[in-house]
Amino acid sequence: MEIKILQKEENFITFIIKGIDVALANALRRAIISEVPVMAIEKVVFEENSSVMPDEILAHRLGLIPLKTPLNSYLFPDECDCNGKDCAKCTALFTMDVKGPKMVTSKNLIPKDINVVPIYNNIPIVKIEKDQEIKLEAKACLGKATEHAKWQAGLASYEILNDDQFKFFVESFGNYSAIDLLNLAIDTLIKYNDKFKEYVLSLEKS
C-alpha cells in the first residue's frame, strides 16, 4: 500500500492511496463520515426562553454547533459509571444567559471546560428582541454520526483512478484537524478488524 499526500491544510486533505480495492476505500470513507466520535450538545434545560423559537427547535440548533473534541478526556455516556447522571467524566456543560435586543450566536455559549468550545464564535442561533431572554444549561457528550448527524466529524469522498488507486478528499468540520480525523478513522477500521479476527478465532475454538 502506498499513500501520496497531494494537499494538506488544517481542515482539508487530499491524497492518493494505492494498493487497496473498492471495498476498503468505501470502508475508509464511511469510517471518516460516521465512525469518528465527537462532542455535541445532547441535552438542554431551559430556565427561560421568551424568543420566537420553540425550546425543541432551539435545542436542535444548539446540537448542530460543532465543538472542539478532546477525545481522550471524555467517556461515552453508556461507558461511564455514573449511570446517566451526566458526570464530568462523560459530560461537558455550557450555560447561556442573554437578553435582547441582539443576535444570539455560538459565542454566547459559555463552556465550563475550556477544551470543549464552539469551533466558530459567529454561528447565528436566533435573534431576540427587547424584553426577550434566553437562559439555559446545555450538556454535550460524545457520539457518532451513525446515531445522529450532529456527531459527524467531517466529509469524505474518493475518485477511482484505476483498479487499485483512489484519490481521496477529506474535509474536517473542525472538531479535529483533517489529518487527525483520517488517523482516527484508520484506527477505527483497525479495531473493527481486530474484533472480527477475535470473533473468527472464537468460532474455530468452539
N, C-alpha and C. Protein backbone atom coordinates (compact mmCIF):
# COMPACT_ATOMS: atom_id res chain seq x y z
N MET A 1 0.83 -1.19 0.00
CA MET A 1 0.00 0.00 0.00
C MET A 1 0.88 1.25 0.00
N GLU A 2 0.51 2.21 -0.82
CA GLU A 2 1.25 3.47 -0.89
C GLU A 2 0.28 4.64 -0.77
N ILE A 3 0.70 5.69 -0.04
CA ILE A 3 -0.11 6.91 0.11
C ILE A 3 0.72 8.12 -0.28
N LYS A 4 0.16 8.96 -1.12
CA LYS A 4 0.83 10.18 -1.54
C LYS A 4 -0.06 11.38 -1.21
N ILE A 5 0.42 12.28 -0.35
CA ILE A 5 -0.33 13.48 0.02
C ILE A 5 -0.23 14.52 -1.10
N LEU A 6 -1.36 14.97 -1.59
CA LEU A 6 -1.38 15.99 -2.64
C LEU A 6 -1.58 17.40 -2.08
N GLN A 7 -2.42 17.51 -1.08
CA GLN A 7 -2.69 18.81 -0.45
C GLN A 7 -3.04 18.58 1.01
N LYS A 8 -2.46 19.39 1.88
CA LYS A 8 -2.72 19.23 3.31
C LYS A 8 -2.90 20.60 3.94
N GLU A 9 -4.10 20.83 4.49
CA GLU A 9 -4.39 22.04 5.24
C GLU A 9 -4.98 21.63 6.58
N GLU A 10 -5.27 22.60 7.44
CA GLU A 10 -5.77 22.27 8.78
C GLU A 10 -7.04 21.43 8.72
N ASN A 11 -7.99 21.85 7.89
CA ASN A 11 -9.28 21.16 7.84
C ASN A 11 -9.55 20.44 6.52
N PHE A 12 -8.50 20.25 5.71
CA PHE A 12 -8.70 19.62 4.41
C PHE A 12 -7.45 18.86 4.00
N ILE A 13 -7.64 17.66 3.46
CA ILE A 13 -6.51 16.90 2.96
C ILE A 13 -6.94 16.11 1.73
N THR A 14 -6.06 16.06 0.75
CA THR A 14 -6.26 15.27 -0.45
C THR A 14 -5.06 14.34 -0.62
N PHE A 15 -5.33 13.07 -0.91
CA PHE A 15 -4.24 12.12 -1.06
C PHE A 15 -4.64 11.02 -2.03
N ILE A 16 -3.64 10.36 -2.58
CA ILE A 16 -3.84 9.20 -3.44
C ILE A 16 -3.37 7.97 -2.68
N ILE A 17 -4.21 6.98 -2.61
CA ILE A 17 -3.85 5.72 -1.96
C ILE A 17 -3.87 4.60 -2.99
N LYS A 18 -2.81 3.83 -3.00
CA LYS A 18 -2.64 2.78 -3.99
C LYS A 18 -2.47 1.43 -3.29
N GLY A 19 -3.07 0.40 -3.87
CA GLY A 19 -2.91 -0.93 -3.34
C GLY A 19 -4.08 -1.43 -2.52
N ILE A 20 -5.25 -0.79 -2.67
CA ILE A 20 -6.47 -1.25 -1.99
C ILE A 20 -7.56 -1.46 -3.03
N ASP A 21 -8.68 -2.04 -2.60
CA ASP A 21 -9.79 -2.24 -3.51
C ASP A 21 -10.95 -1.32 -3.14
N VAL A 22 -12.04 -1.38 -3.90
CA VAL A 22 -13.18 -0.50 -3.68
C VAL A 22 -13.80 -0.72 -2.31
N ALA A 23 -13.84 -1.97 -1.86
CA ALA A 23 -14.45 -2.28 -0.56
C ALA A 23 -13.72 -1.57 0.57
N LEU A 24 -12.39 -1.60 0.55
CA LEU A 24 -11.61 -0.96 1.60
C LEU A 24 -11.69 0.56 1.48
N ALA A 25 -11.69 1.07 0.25
CA ALA A 25 -11.82 2.52 0.05
C ALA A 25 -13.15 3.02 0.60
N ASN A 26 -14.21 2.27 0.36
CA ASN A 26 -15.52 2.68 0.84
C ASN A 26 -15.62 2.55 2.36
N ALA A 27 -14.96 1.54 2.91
CA ALA A 27 -14.94 1.38 4.37
C ALA A 27 -14.25 2.56 5.03
N LEU A 28 -13.16 3.03 4.44
CA LEU A 28 -12.45 4.19 4.96
C LEU A 28 -13.32 5.43 4.87
N ARG A 29 -13.98 5.61 3.73
CA ARG A 29 -14.86 6.77 3.55
C ARG A 29 -15.97 6.79 4.61
N ARG A 30 -16.58 5.64 4.83
CA ARG A 30 -17.68 5.55 5.80
C ARG A 30 -17.18 5.76 7.23
N ALA A 31 -15.98 5.28 7.52
CA ALA A 31 -15.41 5.46 8.86
C ALA A 31 -15.16 6.93 9.15
N ILE A 32 -14.66 7.67 8.15
CA ILE A 32 -14.42 9.10 8.32
C ILE A 32 -15.72 9.83 8.58
N ILE A 33 -16.75 9.48 7.84
CA ILE A 33 -18.03 10.18 7.92
C ILE A 33 -18.81 9.85 9.18
N SER A 34 -18.81 8.58 9.58
CA SER A 34 -19.77 8.18 10.61
C SER A 34 -19.22 7.46 11.82
N GLU A 35 -17.93 7.11 11.87
CA GLU A 35 -17.43 6.29 12.97
C GLU A 35 -16.50 7.02 13.92
N VAL A 36 -16.11 8.25 13.60
CA VAL A 36 -15.22 9.00 14.49
C VAL A 36 -16.07 9.81 15.47
N PRO A 37 -15.94 9.59 16.78
CA PRO A 37 -16.79 10.29 17.75
C PRO A 37 -16.39 11.74 17.95
N VAL A 38 -17.39 12.58 18.17
CA VAL A 38 -17.16 13.98 18.51
C VAL A 38 -18.14 14.39 19.61
N MET A 39 -17.85 15.55 20.22
CA MET A 39 -18.75 16.11 21.21
C MET A 39 -19.84 16.92 20.51
N ALA A 40 -21.06 16.81 21.02
CA ALA A 40 -22.17 17.63 20.54
C ALA A 40 -23.18 17.77 21.68
N ILE A 41 -23.89 18.88 21.67
CA ILE A 41 -24.90 19.12 22.70
C ILE A 41 -26.07 18.17 22.50
N GLU A 42 -26.40 17.43 23.56
CA GLU A 42 -27.44 16.42 23.51
C GLU A 42 -28.65 16.79 24.37
N LYS A 43 -28.40 17.47 25.49
CA LYS A 43 -29.49 17.82 26.39
C LYS A 43 -29.46 19.33 26.68
N VAL A 44 -30.64 19.93 26.73
CA VAL A 44 -30.75 21.36 27.05
C VAL A 44 -31.85 21.54 28.09
N VAL A 45 -31.53 22.22 29.17
CA VAL A 45 -32.51 22.52 30.21
C VAL A 45 -32.76 24.04 30.19
N PHE A 46 -34.00 24.42 29.88
CA PHE A 46 -34.35 25.83 29.75
C PHE A 46 -34.89 26.36 31.08
N GLU A 47 -34.32 27.48 31.51
CA GLU A 47 -34.88 28.22 32.63
C GLU A 47 -35.78 29.34 32.12
N GLU A 48 -35.40 29.89 30.96
CA GLU A 48 -36.20 30.95 30.34
C GLU A 48 -35.97 30.93 28.84
N ASN A 49 -37.03 31.03 28.07
CA ASN A 49 -36.93 31.17 26.62
C ASN A 49 -38.15 31.94 26.12
N SER A 50 -37.99 33.23 26.00
CA SER A 50 -39.09 34.07 25.51
C SER A 50 -38.84 34.52 24.07
N SER A 51 -37.91 33.83 23.39
CA SER A 51 -37.65 34.13 21.98
C SER A 51 -38.79 33.57 21.13
N VAL A 52 -38.74 33.86 19.83
CA VAL A 52 -39.78 33.34 18.93
C VAL A 52 -39.56 31.86 18.60
N MET A 53 -38.41 31.32 19.00
CA MET A 53 -38.06 29.94 18.64
C MET A 53 -38.46 28.98 19.77
N PRO A 54 -39.24 27.94 19.48
CA PRO A 54 -39.63 26.97 20.50
C PRO A 54 -38.41 26.25 21.10
N ASP A 55 -38.59 25.77 22.31
CA ASP A 55 -37.48 25.13 23.03
C ASP A 55 -36.84 24.01 22.21
N GLU A 56 -37.66 23.13 21.62
CA GLU A 56 -37.11 21.96 20.93
C GLU A 56 -36.33 22.35 19.68
N ILE A 57 -36.75 23.41 18.99
CA ILE A 57 -36.02 23.87 17.80
C ILE A 57 -34.71 24.52 18.20
N LEU A 58 -34.76 25.31 19.27
CA LEU A 58 -33.54 25.96 19.77
C LEU A 58 -32.54 24.90 20.24
N ALA A 59 -33.02 23.88 20.93
CA ALA A 59 -32.14 22.81 21.38
C ALA A 59 -31.51 22.08 20.20
N HIS A 60 -32.31 21.87 19.15
CA HIS A 60 -31.79 21.21 17.94
C HIS A 60 -30.68 22.04 17.31
N ARG A 61 -30.85 23.34 17.24
CA ARG A 61 -29.84 24.21 16.63
C ARG A 61 -28.56 24.22 17.46
N LEU A 62 -28.70 24.19 18.78
CA LEU A 62 -27.52 24.14 19.63
C LEU A 62 -26.76 22.83 19.40
N GLY A 63 -27.48 21.75 19.19
CA GLY A 63 -26.84 20.47 18.96
C GLY A 63 -26.01 20.41 17.69
N LEU A 64 -26.34 21.24 16.73
CA LEU A 64 -25.63 21.23 15.44
C LEU A 64 -24.39 22.13 15.43
N ILE A 65 -24.13 22.84 16.53
CA ILE A 65 -22.93 23.68 16.61
C ILE A 65 -21.71 22.78 16.84
N PRO A 66 -20.74 22.76 15.91
CA PRO A 66 -19.57 21.89 16.08
C PRO A 66 -18.70 22.33 17.25
N LEU A 67 -18.24 21.34 18.03
CA LEU A 67 -17.45 21.61 19.23
C LEU A 67 -16.07 20.98 19.13
N LYS A 68 -15.08 21.66 19.67
CA LYS A 68 -13.76 21.05 19.81
C LYS A 68 -13.89 19.81 20.68
N THR A 69 -13.15 18.76 20.33
CA THR A 69 -13.33 17.48 20.99
C THR A 69 -12.01 16.93 21.51
N PRO A 70 -11.76 17.04 22.82
CA PRO A 70 -10.61 16.35 23.42
C PRO A 70 -11.00 14.90 23.71
N LEU A 71 -10.84 14.05 22.71
CA LEU A 71 -11.40 12.71 22.73
C LEU A 71 -10.98 11.89 23.94
N ASN A 72 -9.74 12.03 24.36
CA ASN A 72 -9.24 11.21 25.45
C ASN A 72 -9.68 11.70 26.83
N SER A 73 -10.39 12.81 26.88
CA SER A 73 -10.80 13.39 28.16
C SER A 73 -12.20 12.97 28.59
N TYR A 74 -12.97 12.35 27.70
CA TYR A 74 -14.36 12.01 28.00
C TYR A 74 -14.68 10.57 27.61
N LEU A 75 -15.62 9.99 28.35
CA LEU A 75 -16.13 8.66 28.05
C LEU A 75 -17.46 8.79 27.31
N PHE A 76 -17.82 7.76 26.55
CA PHE A 76 -19.18 7.70 26.02
C PHE A 76 -20.15 7.55 27.20
N PRO A 77 -21.32 8.17 27.13
CA PRO A 77 -22.27 8.06 28.24
C PRO A 77 -22.58 6.63 28.66
N ASP A 78 -22.70 5.72 27.68
CA ASP A 78 -23.03 4.33 28.03
C ASP A 78 -21.84 3.54 28.57
N GLU A 79 -20.64 4.16 28.55
CA GLU A 79 -19.46 3.53 29.12
C GLU A 79 -19.11 4.10 30.48
N CYS A 80 -19.81 5.14 30.90
CA CYS A 80 -19.49 5.84 32.14
C CYS A 80 -20.20 5.16 33.32
N ASP A 81 -19.54 5.19 34.47
CA ASP A 81 -20.12 4.54 35.65
C ASP A 81 -21.09 5.44 36.42
N CYS A 82 -21.45 6.59 35.84
CA CYS A 82 -22.39 7.49 36.52
C CYS A 82 -23.84 7.09 36.28
N ASN A 83 -24.05 6.11 35.39
CA ASN A 83 -25.40 5.62 35.09
C ASN A 83 -26.35 6.72 34.61
N GLY A 84 -25.86 7.52 33.68
CA GLY A 84 -26.72 8.53 33.05
C GLY A 84 -26.94 9.79 33.87
N LYS A 85 -26.08 10.04 34.85
CA LYS A 85 -26.24 11.23 35.69
C LYS A 85 -25.44 12.43 35.17
N ASP A 86 -24.86 12.29 33.98
CA ASP A 86 -24.17 13.40 33.31
C ASP A 86 -23.03 13.95 34.15
N CYS A 87 -22.13 13.07 34.57
CA CYS A 87 -20.99 13.50 35.40
C CYS A 87 -19.90 14.12 34.52
N ALA A 88 -18.87 14.64 35.17
CA ALA A 88 -17.79 15.33 34.45
C ALA A 88 -16.96 14.39 33.59
N LYS A 89 -17.06 13.07 33.82
CA LYS A 89 -16.31 12.12 33.01
C LYS A 89 -16.89 11.95 31.61
N CYS A 90 -18.19 12.21 31.47
CA CYS A 90 -18.84 11.96 30.19
C CYS A 90 -19.62 13.16 29.66
N THR A 91 -19.65 14.26 30.40
CA THR A 91 -20.49 15.39 30.01
C THR A 91 -19.75 16.71 30.14
N ALA A 92 -19.86 17.55 29.11
CA ALA A 92 -19.32 18.90 29.15
C ALA A 92 -20.49 19.88 29.24
N LEU A 93 -20.41 20.81 30.17
CA LEU A 93 -21.51 21.72 30.43
C LEU A 93 -21.29 23.09 29.78
N PHE A 94 -22.41 23.68 29.34
CA PHE A 94 -22.44 25.04 28.83
C PHE A 94 -23.60 25.79 29.49
N THR A 95 -23.45 27.08 29.61
CA THR A 95 -24.56 27.91 30.05
C THR A 95 -24.77 29.04 29.05
N MET A 96 -25.98 29.58 29.03
CA MET A 96 -26.30 30.74 28.20
C MET A 96 -27.28 31.61 28.97
N ASP A 97 -26.99 32.89 29.03
CA ASP A 97 -27.87 33.84 29.71
C ASP A 97 -27.78 35.16 28.94
N VAL A 98 -28.73 35.38 28.04
CA VAL A 98 -28.69 36.56 27.17
C VAL A 98 -30.05 37.26 27.15
N LYS A 99 -29.98 38.57 26.96
CA LYS A 99 -31.20 39.38 26.85
C LYS A 99 -31.12 40.23 25.60
N GLY A 100 -32.28 40.48 24.98
CA GLY A 100 -32.33 41.25 23.75
C GLY A 100 -32.33 42.75 24.01
N PRO A 101 -32.21 43.52 22.95
CA PRO A 101 -32.15 43.05 21.55
C PRO A 101 -30.73 42.66 21.14
N LYS A 102 -30.60 41.52 20.46
CA LYS A 102 -29.30 41.09 19.95
C LYS A 102 -29.48 39.83 19.10
N MET A 103 -28.46 39.54 18.32
CA MET A 103 -28.38 38.26 17.63
C MET A 103 -27.61 37.31 18.52
N VAL A 104 -28.24 36.24 18.93
CA VAL A 104 -27.58 35.24 19.77
C VAL A 104 -26.75 34.33 18.87
N THR A 105 -25.48 34.16 19.21
CA THR A 105 -24.58 33.34 18.41
C THR A 105 -23.91 32.30 19.30
N SER A 106 -23.10 31.46 18.67
CA SER A 106 -22.37 30.44 19.41
C SER A 106 -21.41 31.03 20.44
N LYS A 107 -21.05 32.29 20.26
CA LYS A 107 -20.18 32.96 21.24
C LYS A 107 -20.86 33.07 22.60
N ASN A 108 -22.18 33.07 22.61
CA ASN A 108 -22.93 33.21 23.85
C ASN A 108 -23.06 31.90 24.63
N LEU A 109 -22.55 30.81 24.06
CA LEU A 109 -22.47 29.55 24.80
C LEU A 109 -21.21 29.57 25.65
N ILE A 110 -21.37 29.57 26.96
CA ILE A 110 -20.23 29.68 27.87
C ILE A 110 -19.86 28.29 28.38
N PRO A 111 -18.64 27.81 28.05
CA PRO A 111 -18.26 26.45 28.43
C PRO A 111 -17.71 26.38 29.85
N LYS A 112 -17.96 25.26 30.50
CA LYS A 112 -17.32 25.00 31.79
C LYS A 112 -15.92 24.44 31.57
N ASP A 113 -15.76 23.63 30.53
CA ASP A 113 -14.46 23.07 30.15
C ASP A 113 -13.94 23.88 28.96
N ILE A 114 -12.84 24.57 29.15
CA ILE A 114 -12.31 25.44 28.08
C ILE A 114 -11.76 24.64 26.90
N ASN A 115 -11.67 23.31 27.05
CA ASN A 115 -11.21 22.47 25.95
C ASN A 115 -12.36 22.00 25.06
N VAL A 116 -13.59 22.21 25.50
CA VAL A 116 -14.77 21.87 24.70
C VAL A 116 -15.52 23.17 24.44
N VAL A 117 -15.24 23.78 23.31
CA VAL A 117 -15.81 25.09 22.97
C VAL A 117 -16.32 25.06 21.53
N PRO A 118 -17.26 25.95 21.19
CA PRO A 118 -17.67 26.04 19.78
C PRO A 118 -16.48 26.38 18.90
N ILE A 119 -16.39 25.69 17.77
CA ILE A 119 -15.27 25.91 16.85
C ILE A 119 -15.33 27.30 16.23
N TYR A 120 -16.55 27.77 15.97
CA TYR A 120 -16.75 29.10 15.40
C TYR A 120 -17.63 29.91 16.35
N ASN A 121 -17.23 31.15 16.62
CA ASN A 121 -17.96 32.01 17.55
C ASN A 121 -19.11 32.79 16.90
N ASN A 122 -19.19 32.73 15.59
CA ASN A 122 -20.15 33.60 14.89
C ASN A 122 -21.32 32.85 14.27
N ILE A 123 -21.60 31.64 14.74
CA ILE A 123 -22.73 30.88 14.20
C ILE A 123 -24.03 31.48 14.75
N PRO A 124 -24.91 32.00 13.91
CA PRO A 124 -26.16 32.58 14.41
C PRO A 124 -27.11 31.50 14.93
N ILE A 125 -27.75 31.78 16.04
CA ILE A 125 -28.70 30.84 16.64
C ILE A 125 -30.12 31.37 16.54
N VAL A 126 -30.36 32.56 17.06
CA VAL A 126 -31.68 33.18 16.99
C VAL A 126 -31.54 34.67 17.33
N LYS A 127 -32.39 35.45 16.72
CA LYS A 127 -32.42 36.88 17.04
C LYS A 127 -33.49 37.13 18.09
N ILE A 128 -33.11 37.82 19.16
CA ILE A 128 -34.08 38.16 20.20
C ILE A 128 -34.26 39.68 20.26
N GLU A 129 -35.48 40.07 20.55
CA GLU A 129 -35.83 41.49 20.61
C GLU A 129 -35.82 41.98 22.06
N LYS A 130 -36.12 43.25 22.23
CA LYS A 130 -36.17 43.86 23.55
C LYS A 130 -37.17 43.10 24.42
N ASP A 131 -36.80 42.88 25.67
CA ASP A 131 -37.61 42.18 26.66
C ASP A 131 -37.68 40.68 26.42
N GLN A 132 -36.94 40.16 25.44
CA GLN A 132 -36.84 38.72 25.25
C GLN A 132 -35.55 38.21 25.88
N GLU A 133 -35.58 36.97 26.34
CA GLU A 133 -34.45 36.43 27.11
C GLU A 133 -34.33 34.93 26.87
N ILE A 134 -33.07 34.46 26.90
CA ILE A 134 -32.79 33.02 26.87
C ILE A 134 -31.82 32.70 28.00
N LYS A 135 -32.23 31.77 28.83
CA LYS A 135 -31.36 31.31 29.92
C LYS A 135 -31.46 29.80 29.97
N LEU A 136 -30.31 29.12 29.84
CA LEU A 136 -30.33 27.66 29.75
C LEU A 136 -29.02 27.05 30.20
N GLU A 137 -29.06 25.73 30.38
CA GLU A 137 -27.87 24.91 30.60
C GLU A 137 -27.88 23.82 29.54
N ALA A 138 -26.76 23.65 28.86
CA ALA A 138 -26.65 22.64 27.81
C ALA A 138 -25.58 21.62 28.19
N LYS A 139 -25.84 20.37 27.81
CA LYS A 139 -24.94 19.28 28.14
C LYS A 139 -24.49 18.58 26.86
N ALA A 140 -23.18 18.51 26.67
CA ALA A 140 -22.61 17.86 25.48
C ALA A 140 -21.97 16.54 25.86
N CYS A 141 -22.03 15.59 24.94
CA CYS A 141 -21.42 14.28 25.18
C CYS A 141 -20.88 13.73 23.86
N LEU A 142 -20.09 12.67 23.98
CA LEU A 142 -19.56 12.01 22.79
C LEU A 142 -20.63 11.18 22.10
N GLY A 143 -20.55 11.14 20.78
CA GLY A 143 -21.45 10.31 19.99
C GLY A 143 -20.88 10.10 18.60
N LYS A 144 -21.56 9.29 17.82
CA LYS A 144 -21.15 9.02 16.45
C LYS A 144 -22.29 9.34 15.48
N ALA A 145 -21.92 9.65 14.25
CA ALA A 145 -22.91 10.04 13.25
C ALA A 145 -23.81 8.90 12.84
N THR A 146 -23.48 7.67 13.21
CA THR A 146 -24.38 6.56 12.97
C THR A 146 -25.68 6.74 13.76
N GLU A 147 -25.61 7.54 14.83
CA GLU A 147 -26.79 7.82 15.65
C GLU A 147 -27.48 9.11 15.24
N HIS A 148 -26.69 10.16 14.96
CA HIS A 148 -27.27 11.45 14.56
C HIS A 148 -26.19 12.26 13.85
N ALA A 149 -26.60 13.06 12.87
CA ALA A 149 -25.66 13.83 12.05
C ALA A 149 -24.90 14.89 12.84
N LYS A 150 -25.42 15.29 14.02
CA LYS A 150 -24.72 16.30 14.81
C LYS A 150 -23.38 15.78 15.33
N TRP A 151 -23.21 14.44 15.33
CA TRP A 151 -21.95 13.85 15.75
C TRP A 151 -21.07 13.49 14.56
N GLN A 152 -21.29 14.12 13.43
CA GLN A 152 -20.45 13.86 12.25
C GLN A 152 -19.23 14.76 12.28
N ALA A 153 -18.05 14.16 12.12
CA ALA A 153 -16.79 14.91 12.24
C ALA A 153 -16.32 15.53 10.94
N GLY A 154 -16.85 15.07 9.81
CA GLY A 154 -16.38 15.61 8.55
C GLY A 154 -16.99 14.91 7.35
N LEU A 155 -16.45 15.24 6.19
CA LEU A 155 -16.91 14.66 4.92
C LEU A 155 -15.76 13.95 4.23
N ALA A 156 -16.08 12.96 3.44
CA ALA A 156 -15.05 12.24 2.69
C ALA A 156 -15.64 11.70 1.40
N SER A 157 -14.86 11.74 0.35
CA SER A 157 -15.24 11.15 -0.93
C SER A 157 -13.97 10.69 -1.63
N TYR A 158 -14.15 9.89 -2.67
CA TYR A 158 -12.97 9.45 -3.42
C TYR A 158 -13.31 9.31 -4.89
N GLU A 159 -12.26 9.40 -5.68
CA GLU A 159 -12.34 9.22 -7.13
C GLU A 159 -11.52 7.99 -7.49
N ILE A 160 -12.10 7.09 -8.27
CA ILE A 160 -11.38 5.88 -8.68
C ILE A 160 -10.50 6.22 -9.87
N LEU A 161 -9.19 6.09 -9.69
CA LEU A 161 -8.25 6.38 -10.77
C LEU A 161 -7.98 5.15 -11.62
N ASN A 162 -7.86 4.00 -10.96
CA ASN A 162 -7.80 2.70 -11.65
C ASN A 162 -8.19 1.62 -10.64
N ASP A 163 -7.94 0.37 -10.96
CA ASP A 163 -8.45 -0.73 -10.14
C ASP A 163 -7.96 -0.70 -8.70
N ASP A 164 -6.75 -0.21 -8.44
CA ASP A 164 -6.23 -0.24 -7.08
C ASP A 164 -5.70 1.12 -6.62
N GLN A 165 -6.19 2.19 -7.27
CA GLN A 165 -5.70 3.53 -6.95
C GLN A 165 -6.88 4.49 -6.80
N PHE A 166 -6.91 5.20 -5.67
CA PHE A 166 -8.04 6.07 -5.35
C PHE A 166 -7.54 7.43 -4.88
N LYS A 167 -8.24 8.48 -5.33
CA LYS A 167 -7.93 9.84 -4.90
C LYS A 167 -8.97 10.26 -3.87
N PHE A 168 -8.53 10.50 -2.64
CA PHE A 168 -9.43 10.83 -1.54
C PHE A 168 -9.46 12.34 -1.27
N PHE A 169 -10.64 12.79 -0.88
CA PHE A 169 -10.84 14.17 -0.45
C PHE A 169 -11.48 14.12 0.95
N VAL A 170 -10.82 14.66 1.94
CA VAL A 170 -11.32 14.62 3.32
C VAL A 170 -11.38 16.04 3.87
N GLU A 171 -12.55 16.40 4.38
CA GLU A 171 -12.73 17.73 4.98
C GLU A 171 -13.26 17.57 6.40
N SER A 172 -12.56 18.17 7.35
CA SER A 172 -12.99 18.15 8.75
C SER A 172 -13.91 19.33 9.04
N PHE A 173 -14.87 19.13 9.93
CA PHE A 173 -15.74 20.23 10.36
C PHE A 173 -15.07 21.08 11.44
N GLY A 174 -13.87 20.69 11.86
CA GLY A 174 -13.11 21.48 12.82
C GLY A 174 -13.01 20.85 14.20
N ASN A 175 -13.77 19.78 14.46
CA ASN A 175 -13.65 19.09 15.74
C ASN A 175 -12.23 18.55 15.92
N TYR A 176 -11.65 18.09 14.81
CA TYR A 176 -10.27 17.65 14.74
C TYR A 176 -9.65 18.26 13.48
N SER A 177 -8.33 18.22 13.39
CA SER A 177 -7.70 18.56 12.13
C SER A 177 -8.00 17.45 11.13
N ALA A 178 -7.84 17.74 9.86
CA ALA A 178 -8.15 16.74 8.83
C ALA A 178 -7.27 15.50 8.97
N ILE A 179 -5.99 15.71 9.29
CA ILE A 179 -5.09 14.56 9.41
C ILE A 179 -5.44 13.72 10.64
N ASP A 180 -5.86 14.38 11.73
CA ASP A 180 -6.28 13.64 12.92
C ASP A 180 -7.57 12.86 12.65
N LEU A 181 -8.47 13.48 11.90
CA LEU A 181 -9.71 12.80 11.53
C LEU A 181 -9.41 11.54 10.73
N LEU A 182 -8.50 11.65 9.78
CA LEU A 182 -8.11 10.50 8.97
C LEU A 182 -7.49 9.40 9.83
N ASN A 183 -6.59 9.79 10.72
CA ASN A 183 -5.93 8.80 11.57
C ASN A 183 -6.91 8.11 12.51
N LEU A 184 -7.86 8.86 13.05
CA LEU A 184 -8.86 8.27 13.93
C LEU A 184 -9.75 7.28 13.17
N ALA A 185 -10.07 7.62 11.93
CA ALA A 185 -10.88 6.70 11.11
C ALA A 185 -10.11 5.42 10.82
N ILE A 186 -8.82 5.54 10.52
CA ILE A 186 -7.99 4.35 10.27
C ILE A 186 -7.89 3.50 11.53
N ASP A 187 -7.70 4.15 12.69
CA ASP A 187 -7.65 3.42 13.96
C ASP A 187 -8.95 2.64 14.19
N THR A 188 -10.07 3.25 13.84
CA THR A 188 -11.37 2.59 14.00
C THR A 188 -11.45 1.34 13.14
N LEU A 189 -10.99 1.44 11.89
CA LEU A 189 -11.01 0.27 11.00
C LEU A 189 -10.12 -0.85 11.54
N ILE A 190 -8.98 -0.48 12.09
CA ILE A 190 -8.07 -1.48 12.66
C ILE A 190 -8.72 -2.19 13.84
N LYS A 191 -9.41 -1.42 14.70
CA LYS A 191 -10.09 -2.02 15.86
C LYS A 191 -11.19 -2.97 15.42
N TYR A 192 -11.97 -2.56 14.40
CA TYR A 192 -13.02 -3.44 13.89
C TYR A 192 -12.43 -4.72 13.32
N ASN A 193 -11.30 -4.58 12.61
CA ASN A 193 -10.65 -5.75 12.03
C ASN A 193 -10.16 -6.70 13.12
N ASP A 194 -9.59 -6.14 14.20
CA ASP A 194 -9.10 -6.96 15.30
C ASP A 194 -10.26 -7.70 15.99
N LYS A 195 -11.39 -6.99 16.18
CA LYS A 195 -12.56 -7.62 16.80
C LYS A 195 -13.09 -8.76 15.93
N PHE A 196 -13.09 -8.54 14.62
CA PHE A 196 -13.56 -9.57 13.71
C PHE A 196 -12.66 -10.81 13.77
N LYS A 197 -11.34 -10.57 13.83
CA LYS A 197 -10.40 -11.68 13.94
C LYS A 197 -10.64 -12.48 15.22
N GLU A 198 -10.85 -11.75 16.33
CA GLU A 198 -11.11 -12.42 17.61
C GLU A 198 -12.38 -13.26 17.53
N TYR A 199 -13.38 -12.72 16.86
CA TYR A 199 -14.65 -13.47 16.72
C TYR A 199 -14.45 -14.74 15.91
N VAL A 200 -13.72 -14.64 14.80
CA VAL A 200 -13.47 -15.81 13.95
C VAL A 200 -12.67 -16.86 14.73
N LEU A 201 -11.68 -16.42 15.51
CA LEU A 201 -10.86 -17.35 16.29
C LEU A 201 -11.72 -18.07 17.36
N SER A 202 -12.65 -17.31 17.94
CA SER A 202 -13.53 -17.92 18.94
C SER A 202 -14.43 -18.98 18.33
N LEU A 203 -14.84 -18.77 17.07
CA LEU A 203 -15.66 -19.77 16.37
C LEU A 203 -14.86 -21.04 16.10
N GLU A 204 -13.58 -20.86 15.77
CA GLU A 204 -12.73 -22.01 15.47
C GLU A 204 -12.50 -22.86 16.72
N LYS A 205 -12.46 -22.20 17.89
CA LYS A 205 -12.19 -22.92 19.14
C LYS A 205 -13.44 -23.58 19.70
N SER A 206 -14.61 -23.09 19.28
CA SER A 206 -15.85 -23.62 19.85
C SER A 206 -16.29 -24.91 19.16
